[in-house]
Amino acid sequence: MKATRRTFMAGAAATAAMAAPAVVKAQSVTTLRFQSTWPANDIFHEYALDFAKKVNEMSEGRLRIEVLPAGAVVRAFDLLDAVSSGTLDGGHGVVAYWYGKNTAVALWGSGPAFGMDPNMLMAWHEYGGGAELLKEVQKAMGVNVTSFMYGPMPTQALGWFKKPITRAEDFKGLKFRTVGLAIDMFSAMGAAVNALPGGEIVPALDRGLLDGAEFNNASSDRSLGFPDVSKICMLQSFHQSAEQFEIMFNTAKYEALPNDLKAVIRYATQAASADMSWKAIDRYSQDYIELQKQGVKFYKTPDAILQQQLKIWDQMIEKRSAENPLFKKVLESQRAFAQRCGRWQGDTLVDYRMAYNHYFSRSAKPAA
């Protein structure tokens, strides 16, 4: 009888335990304050918000990234120092902006990249040694950041001007905006170069402080107001024909995260890279048409100017390599990857323009 009673009591206790509400340990939430290098109305800032949204959702709220636009805490070109010092937890920009700290870092966005397209340059970074080299360059720069490259950008336009650029000599004496190693390229072409953040370009053009400028793409250029101050845009250039975005974290803040949240960040970056590429095709093509409706005339940059850019680039990289061993090391890595992968891609890919012309040549007018 006693054994039966003990059995009954044990069963009752188990039932009560199962019926009792589970005690759930509250999960801590880590909030990171980011700033982008872009104005709030630029599609680039939208990309930064897209990345943050992916991290926030994939972490199920345990990690929350809040993104502010350029100037909210520091000026766009001060972002790297602000993240390195811990004033900000992270940021969104491009590594070419940090060209003044070490010229090698601009090779992730400036120049012809030995013929690599933007996606191939990303492949070099991920699988050809670029990521390890970036850490080496950042160590030499003395910055306390952990960076992720993502989002291969389509070839950037030569720029916006008062009249079409028909020869390289047209740059002589021209007050022009660009960034990174493109400063060297356009300076060698005779331009008086001024590096300005995106939000300051159009006001400078409007006040006559600039005669011409380049930024990036049809959507950004439209939202920044380029068509309000110029109706001439020259397409195609080697000054920034392959570039990508940088997502950076203060290293101490990043290393303090648990491993699963670090994994969320890594994979959210890859997801955002693909998403950005697809969104760019959709939005840039729409705004390319809208800009033409606003009276903008697009012209193809003459081949003679493109060839001149390549010649100037060869002279520049020889000079910079002699000055900076890291610059030379990055270049050699890119060259080896480009020679192998560029040949494969060139031999493999079909001429998509042939198919496009087959279907649309009667209705589509390319840039003049």
Foldseek 3Di string as FASTA:
>chain_A
DVVVVVVVVVVVVVVVVVPDDDDDDDQAAAEFEEEEQADPQFVQLVLVVLLQVLLCVVVVRNYHYDYHYAPPQHHSLCRQVCQQVVVGFWYKFFQLSVCVLPLLSLLQFFFQLQVDAQVLSVVCCVPLCVVVLVVVVVVSSVGQKRKDWFAKAAFWFPWFAQDDDAALQVQADFEEEDTRCVVQLSVVSHHNYDHDRLLCPVVCLVVVVGRIYTDGALRRCVSSPVLVRGQETEGDARGGRYHTMMIMGRNVVLVPDDPVSNVSSVVSRHVSRVVNVVVCVVVRVVSVVVSVVSNHAYAYHDVNNRVSSVVSVVVVLVVSCVVDVSSVVSSVSSNVSCVVVVVVCVVPDDDVVVVVCVPPVVPDDDHD
